[in-house]
Amino acid sequence: MTENSLTIENADRVVDVTGQVCAMPILSAADSLRDAADGDLLAIKTGRPADECDDIEDWVARLNGASFIGTRSSDAGVIAFARRDISD
């Protein structure tokens, strides 16, 4: 997957955790991943600037059955991308 294909439009599922405080974003993403099919691309809209999301790769990696793919930054905040991988 190329960086250009990391978009909300290409995601199979979008989880908007804007305004949520820890640990709710993690729980929301985990719930969505649990319901996802193997190989689904999950976009997690954080609503936070990049300097507040420097640990996002770590917490996505902790989600059972998820592989961290990358992030995109926009005026609306960081969007993290994870792939459902139930073969792990």
N, C-alpha and C. Protein backbone atom coordinates (compact mmCIF):
# COMPACT_ATOMS: atom_id res chain seq x y z
N MET A 1 0.84 -1.17 0.00
CA MET A 1 0.00 0.00 0.00
C MET A 1 0.89 1.23 0.00
N THR A 2 0.63 2.14 -0.91
CA THR A 2 1.42 3.36 -0.98
C THR A 2 0.83 4.43 -0.06
N GLU A 3 1.67 5.41 0.29
CA GLU A 3 1.20 6.49 1.15
C GLU A 3 0.03 7.24 0.52
N ASN A 4 0.03 7.37 -0.80
CA ASN A 4 -1.06 8.07 -1.48
C ASN A 4 -2.39 7.35 -1.34
N SER A 5 -2.37 6.04 -1.10
CA SER A 5 -3.62 5.30 -0.97
C SER A 5 -4.14 5.29 0.47
N LEU A 6 -3.41 5.90 1.39
CA LEU A 6 -3.88 6.00 2.77
C LEU A 6 -4.83 7.19 2.89
N THR A 7 -6.08 6.93 2.56
CA THR A 7 -7.11 7.96 2.63
C THR A 7 -8.35 7.38 3.29
N ILE A 8 -9.16 8.26 3.81
CA ILE A 8 -10.43 7.83 4.41
C ILE A 8 -11.28 7.12 3.36
N GLU A 9 -11.24 7.62 2.13
CA GLU A 9 -12.05 7.02 1.07
C GLU A 9 -11.64 5.58 0.78
N ASN A 10 -10.38 5.24 0.98
CA ASN A 10 -9.90 3.88 0.72
C ASN A 10 -10.05 2.96 1.92
N ALA A 11 -10.45 3.50 3.06
CA ALA A 11 -10.59 2.69 4.27
C ALA A 11 -11.88 1.87 4.21
N ASP A 12 -11.80 0.66 4.74
CA ASP A 12 -12.99 -0.18 4.85
C ASP A 12 -13.86 0.25 6.03
N ARG A 13 -13.22 0.80 7.05
CA ARG A 13 -13.91 1.27 8.26
C ARG A 13 -13.25 2.56 8.72
N VAL A 14 -14.07 3.48 9.23
CA VAL A 14 -13.56 4.73 9.78
C VAL A 14 -14.05 4.84 11.22
N VAL A 15 -13.11 5.09 12.12
CA VAL A 15 -13.44 5.30 13.53
C VAL A 15 -13.06 6.73 13.88
N ASP A 16 -14.04 7.52 14.28
CA ASP A 16 -13.79 8.91 14.65
C ASP A 16 -13.70 9.00 16.17
N VAL A 17 -12.48 9.20 16.66
CA VAL A 17 -12.26 9.29 18.11
C VAL A 17 -11.98 10.74 18.53
N THR A 18 -12.35 11.67 17.65
CA THR A 18 -12.16 13.09 17.94
C THR A 18 -12.87 13.45 19.23
N GLY A 19 -12.14 14.11 20.12
CA GLY A 19 -12.72 14.56 21.38
C GLY A 19 -12.72 13.53 22.49
N GLN A 20 -12.40 12.29 22.18
CA GLN A 20 -12.35 11.26 23.22
C GLN A 20 -11.04 11.37 23.98
N VAL A 21 -11.09 11.02 25.25
CA VAL A 21 -9.88 11.03 26.08
C VAL A 21 -9.47 9.59 26.36
N CYS A 22 -8.19 9.43 26.63
CA CYS A 22 -7.61 8.12 26.88
C CYS A 22 -8.38 7.42 28.00
N ALA A 23 -8.71 6.26 27.85
CA ALA A 23 -8.34 5.22 26.90
C ALA A 23 -9.45 4.94 25.90
N MET A 24 -10.45 5.81 25.82
CA MET A 24 -11.58 5.57 24.93
C MET A 24 -11.18 5.45 23.45
N PRO A 25 -10.24 6.24 22.93
CA PRO A 25 -9.87 6.04 21.52
C PRO A 25 -9.35 4.63 21.24
N ILE A 26 -8.58 4.10 22.16
CA ILE A 26 -8.04 2.75 21.99
C ILE A 26 -9.16 1.73 22.02
N LEU A 27 -10.08 1.88 22.97
CA LEU A 27 -11.21 0.95 23.08
C LEU A 27 -12.11 1.02 21.85
N SER A 28 -12.35 2.23 21.35
CA SER A 28 -13.18 2.39 20.15
C SER A 28 -12.54 1.72 18.94
N ALA A 29 -11.24 1.92 18.77
CA ALA A 29 -10.52 1.29 17.66
C ALA A 29 -10.52 -0.23 17.81
N ALA A 30 -10.31 -0.71 19.02
CA ALA A 30 -10.30 -2.16 19.26
C ALA A 30 -11.66 -2.77 18.94
N ASP A 31 -12.75 -2.10 19.32
CA ASP A 31 -14.09 -2.60 19.01
C ASP A 31 -14.31 -2.69 17.50
N SER A 32 -13.89 -1.67 16.78
CA SER A 32 -14.07 -1.67 15.34
C SER A 32 -13.22 -2.75 14.68
N LEU A 33 -12.00 -2.93 15.16
CA LEU A 33 -11.13 -3.98 14.62
C LEU A 33 -11.70 -5.36 14.87
N ARG A 34 -12.29 -5.55 16.02
CA ARG A 34 -12.86 -6.85 16.37
C ARG A 34 -13.96 -7.24 15.37
N ASP A 35 -14.70 -6.25 14.89
CA ASP A 35 -15.79 -6.50 13.94
C ASP A 35 -15.33 -6.53 12.48
N ALA A 36 -14.08 -6.17 12.23
CA ALA A 36 -13.58 -6.07 10.86
C ALA A 36 -13.20 -7.45 10.31
N ALA A 37 -13.23 -7.54 9.00
CA ALA A 37 -12.79 -8.76 8.32
C ALA A 37 -11.27 -8.73 8.16
N ASP A 38 -10.68 -9.90 8.01
CA ASP A 38 -9.24 -10.00 7.80
C ASP A 38 -8.86 -9.17 6.57
N GLY A 39 -7.86 -8.32 6.73
CA GLY A 39 -7.39 -7.49 5.63
C GLY A 39 -8.03 -6.12 5.54
N ASP A 40 -9.10 -5.88 6.32
CA ASP A 40 -9.76 -4.57 6.28
C ASP A 40 -8.80 -3.47 6.72
N LEU A 41 -8.90 -2.31 6.05
CA LEU A 41 -8.13 -1.13 6.40
C LEU A 41 -9.00 -0.24 7.29
N LEU A 42 -8.49 0.08 8.46
CA LEU A 42 -9.19 0.91 9.43
C LEU A 42 -8.53 2.28 9.49
N ALA A 43 -9.32 3.34 9.34
CA ALA A 43 -8.84 4.71 9.50
C ALA A 43 -9.33 5.22 10.85
N ILE A 44 -8.41 5.72 11.66
CA ILE A 44 -8.74 6.23 12.99
C ILE A 44 -8.52 7.73 12.97
N LYS A 45 -9.62 8.50 12.98
CA LYS A 45 -9.55 9.96 12.96
C LYS A 45 -9.36 10.45 14.38
N THR A 46 -8.19 11.04 14.65
CA THR A 46 -7.87 11.45 16.02
C THR A 46 -8.34 12.86 16.36
N GLY A 47 -8.38 13.74 15.38
CA GLY A 47 -8.72 15.12 15.65
C GLY A 47 -7.63 15.88 16.39
N ARG A 48 -6.45 15.29 16.47
CA ARG A 48 -5.33 15.89 17.20
C ARG A 48 -4.19 16.21 16.23
N PRO A 49 -3.42 17.26 16.55
CA PRO A 49 -2.25 17.57 15.71
C PRO A 49 -1.15 16.52 15.87
N ALA A 50 -0.25 16.48 14.91
CA ALA A 50 0.81 15.47 14.89
C ALA A 50 1.65 15.46 16.16
N ASP A 51 1.92 16.64 16.74
CA ASP A 51 2.77 16.67 17.93
C ASP A 51 2.10 16.07 19.16
N GLU A 52 0.80 15.79 19.08
CA GLU A 52 0.10 15.12 20.18
C GLU A 52 -0.14 13.64 19.87
N CYS A 53 0.35 13.17 18.74
CA CYS A 53 0.09 11.79 18.32
C CYS A 53 1.37 11.00 18.10
N ASP A 54 2.44 11.39 18.78
CA ASP A 54 3.71 10.71 18.54
C ASP A 54 3.74 9.27 19.04
N ASP A 55 2.77 8.87 19.87
CA ASP A 55 2.74 7.50 20.37
C ASP A 55 1.67 6.65 19.69
N ILE A 56 1.07 7.18 18.63
CA ILE A 56 -0.05 6.48 18.01
C ILE A 56 0.37 5.13 17.42
N GLU A 57 1.57 5.05 16.88
CA GLU A 57 2.04 3.77 16.33
C GLU A 57 2.11 2.72 17.43
N ASP A 58 2.56 3.12 18.61
CA ASP A 58 2.67 2.18 19.73
C ASP A 58 1.31 1.65 20.16
N TRP A 59 0.32 2.54 20.31
CA TRP A 59 -0.95 2.02 20.80
C TRP A 59 -1.72 1.26 19.74
N VAL A 60 -1.54 1.59 18.47
CA VAL A 60 -2.16 0.78 17.42
C VAL A 60 -1.54 -0.61 17.40
N ALA A 61 -0.22 -0.68 17.60
CA ALA A 61 0.47 -1.98 17.61
C ALA A 61 0.00 -2.86 18.76
N ARG A 62 -0.51 -2.26 19.82
CA ARG A 62 -1.00 -3.03 20.97
C ARG A 62 -2.38 -3.62 20.75
N LEU A 63 -3.07 -3.16 19.72
CA LEU A 63 -4.40 -3.69 19.45
C LEU A 63 -4.26 -5.10 18.90
N ASN A 64 -4.93 -6.03 19.51
CA ASN A 64 -4.86 -7.43 19.10
C ASN A 64 -5.40 -7.58 17.67
N GLY A 65 -4.59 -8.14 16.80
CA GLY A 65 -5.01 -8.37 15.43
C GLY A 65 -4.87 -7.18 14.51
N ALA A 66 -4.02 -6.21 14.89
CA ALA A 66 -3.85 -5.02 14.06
C ALA A 66 -2.40 -4.85 13.66
N SER A 67 -2.20 -4.37 12.45
CA SER A 67 -0.88 -3.99 11.97
C SER A 67 -0.92 -2.51 11.66
N PHE A 68 0.03 -1.75 12.20
CA PHE A 68 0.11 -0.32 11.93
C PHE A 68 0.56 -0.13 10.49
N ILE A 69 -0.16 0.72 9.74
CA ILE A 69 0.16 0.97 8.34
C ILE A 69 0.84 2.33 8.16
N GLY A 70 0.33 3.35 8.83
CA GLY A 70 0.91 4.68 8.71
C GLY A 70 -0.06 5.74 9.17
N THR A 71 0.35 7.00 9.01
CA THR A 71 -0.50 8.12 9.39
C THR A 71 -0.52 9.15 8.27
N ARG A 72 -1.54 9.96 8.27
CA ARG A 72 -1.67 11.12 7.40
C ARG A 72 -2.06 12.29 8.29
N SER A 73 -1.51 13.45 8.03
CA SER A 73 -1.86 14.65 8.79
C SER A 73 -2.66 15.59 7.91
N SER A 74 -3.62 16.26 8.53
CA SER A 74 -4.40 17.27 7.83
C SER A 74 -4.77 18.36 8.82
N ASP A 75 -5.46 19.37 8.35
CA ASP A 75 -5.93 20.43 9.25
C ASP A 75 -6.88 19.87 10.31
N ALA A 76 -7.55 18.78 10.00
CA ALA A 76 -8.49 18.16 10.94
C ALA A 76 -7.81 17.24 11.93
N GLY A 77 -6.49 17.06 11.81
CA GLY A 77 -5.75 16.21 12.74
C GLY A 77 -5.18 14.98 12.06
N VAL A 78 -4.52 14.18 12.86
CA VAL A 78 -3.87 12.96 12.37
C VAL A 78 -4.90 11.86 12.15
N ILE A 79 -4.73 11.13 11.07
CA ILE A 79 -5.51 9.93 10.82
C ILE A 79 -4.52 8.78 10.80
N ALA A 80 -4.74 7.81 11.68
CA ALA A 80 -3.88 6.63 11.74
C ALA A 80 -4.56 5.51 10.97
N PHE A 81 -3.75 4.68 10.33
CA PHE A 81 -4.29 3.57 9.55
C PHE A 81 -3.75 2.25 10.10
N ALA A 82 -4.65 1.30 10.26
CA ALA A 82 -4.28 -0.03 10.73
C ALA A 82 -4.98 -1.05 9.85
N ARG A 83 -4.37 -2.20 9.70
CA ARG A 83 -4.97 -3.28 8.93
C ARG A 83 -5.31 -4.42 9.88
N ARG A 84 -6.50 -4.98 9.71
CA ARG A 84 -6.93 -6.13 10.49
C ARG A 84 -6.16 -7.33 9.97
N ASP A 85 -5.48 -8.01 10.88
CA ASP A 85 -4.66 -9.16 10.50
C ASP A 85 -4.90 -10.26 11.52
N ILE A 86 -5.88 -11.11 11.25
CA ILE A 86 -6.23 -12.14 12.23
C ILE A 86 -5.32 -13.36 12.14
N SER A 87 -4.37 -13.34 11.22
CA SER A 87 -3.44 -14.47 11.11
C SER A 87 -2.33 -14.39 12.14
N ASP A 88 -2.20 -13.24 12.85
CA ASP A 88 -1.16 -13.10 13.88
C ASP A 88 -1.47 -13.94 15.09
